[in-house]
Amino acid sequence: MTPQARVQAAIEILDLVIAAAHKTGRIVTVEEHYQDGGLGTLVSEVCSSECPVPVKRLGKPSEIASIIAWLASEEAGYSTGADFSVNGGLHMG
């Protein structure tokens, strides 16, 4: 994907987020780091010897999907204005 296409995709997603926020009053984000597959495969060799992630493994796409599913559920209805960082403890504090 070209840089221009990435920017265009980000703008389209932002438009969707703003529209949803007007309807629900909620905006949350999910930030992922070092996921297995995709760009995560580039760091998988590093994690096999000395992984910078405290849990000592790459994340799984299903772990990202599960937090997104929870955020979309009624159980997370009061969560807003937050960034959920799914990073295996890489950015604690």
Protein backbone atom coordinates (compact mmCIF):
# COMPACT_ATOMS: atom_id res chain seq x y z
CA MET A 1 0.00 0.00 0.00
CA THR A 2 1.42 3.38 -0.97
CA PRO A 3 1.78 6.17 1.60
CA GLN A 4 -0.95 8.11 -0.19
CA ALA A 5 -3.32 5.14 -0.01
CA ARG A 6 -2.59 4.76 3.72
CA VAL A 7 -3.40 8.41 4.34
CA GLN A 8 -6.62 8.11 2.34
CA ALA A 9 -7.61 4.98 4.27
CA ALA A 10 -6.88 6.75 7.58
CA ILE A 11 -9.05 9.71 6.56
CA GLU A 12 -11.91 7.40 5.60
CA ILE A 13 -11.63 5.57 8.93
CA LEU A 14 -11.55 8.88 10.81
CA ASP A 15 -14.75 9.94 9.02
CA LEU A 16 -16.41 6.71 10.18
CA VAL A 17 -15.18 7.22 13.75
CA ILE A 18 -16.51 10.77 13.88
CA ALA A 19 -19.88 9.68 12.51
CA ALA A 20 -20.09 6.87 15.07
CA ALA A 21 -19.09 9.23 17.89
CA HIS A 22 -21.95 11.58 16.98
CA LYS A 23 -24.37 8.66 17.28
CA THR A 24 -22.95 6.97 20.40
CA GLY A 25 -20.92 9.62 22.20
CA ARG A 26 -18.02 7.15 22.35
CA ILE A 27 -14.57 7.13 20.84
CA VAL A 28 -12.02 4.50 21.79
CA THR A 29 -8.89 3.32 20.05
CA VAL A 30 -6.94 0.09 20.11
CA GLU A 31 -3.19 0.34 19.73
CA GLU A 32 -1.35 -2.87 18.90
CA HIS A 33 2.35 -3.65 18.95
CA TYR A 34 4.45 -6.60 17.83
CA GLN A 35 1.69 -8.82 16.51
CA ASP A 36 2.39 -12.19 14.97
CA GLY A 37 1.82 -12.00 11.21
CA GLY A 38 1.96 -8.91 9.02
CA LEU A 39 4.67 -6.54 10.21
CA GLY A 40 5.13 -8.72 13.30
CA THR A 41 6.95 -11.26 11.19
CA LEU A 42 9.76 -8.72 10.84
CA VAL A 43 10.37 -8.80 14.60
CA SER A 44 9.72 -12.51 15.10
CA GLU A 45 13.42 -13.28 14.64
CA VAL A 46 14.29 -10.73 17.34
CA CYS A 47 11.73 -12.28 19.68
CA SER A 48 13.16 -15.74 19.15
CA SER A 49 16.49 -14.62 20.66
CA GLU A 50 15.80 -11.61 22.92
CA CYS A 51 12.23 -10.39 22.79
CA PRO A 52 11.69 -6.77 23.93
CA VAL A 53 8.11 -7.60 24.96
CA PRO A 54 7.79 -8.42 28.70
CA VAL A 55 5.51 -11.42 28.06
CA LYS A 56 8.26 -12.79 25.77
CA ARG A 57 6.10 -13.48 22.74
CA LEU A 58 4.33 -11.70 19.91
CA GLY A 59 0.65 -10.95 20.21
CA LYS A 60 -1.96 -12.86 18.26
CA PRO A 61 -4.50 -11.28 15.91
CA SER A 62 -7.23 -13.00 17.95
CA GLU A 63 -6.08 -11.05 21.02
CA ILE A 64 -6.62 -7.78 19.18
CA ALA A 65 -9.96 -9.03 17.86
CA SER A 66 -11.16 -9.97 21.34
CA ILE A 67 -10.62 -6.50 22.79
CA ILE A 68 -12.31 -4.94 19.76
CA ALA A 69 -15.26 -7.31 20.19
CA TRP A 70 -15.49 -6.34 23.87
CA LEU A 71 -15.34 -2.62 23.03
CA ALA A 72 -18.16 -3.11 20.53
CA SER A 73 -20.30 -4.91 23.14
CA GLU A 74 -22.76 -3.44 25.63
CA GLU A 75 -20.35 -4.43 28.43
CA ALA A 76 -17.99 -1.63 27.34
CA GLY A 77 -20.74 0.93 26.86
CA TYR A 78 -19.33 3.28 29.50
CA SER A 79 -15.77 3.18 28.12
CA THR A 80 -14.98 6.27 26.10
CA GLY A 81 -12.08 8.57 25.38
CA ALA A 82 -9.55 5.80 25.96
CA ASP A 83 -6.72 4.18 24.06
CA PHE A 84 -6.45 0.46 24.77
CA SER A 85 -2.83 -0.53 24.26
CA VAL A 86 -2.45 -4.24 23.53
CA ASN A 87 1.30 -4.64 23.74
CA GLY A 88 2.25 -7.46 26.09
CA GLY A 89 3.44 -4.98 28.72
CA LEU A 90 5.86 -3.22 26.39
CA HIS A 91 4.58 0.24 27.35
CA MET A 92 3.62 -0.08 31.01
CA GLY A 93 3.21 2.91 33.21
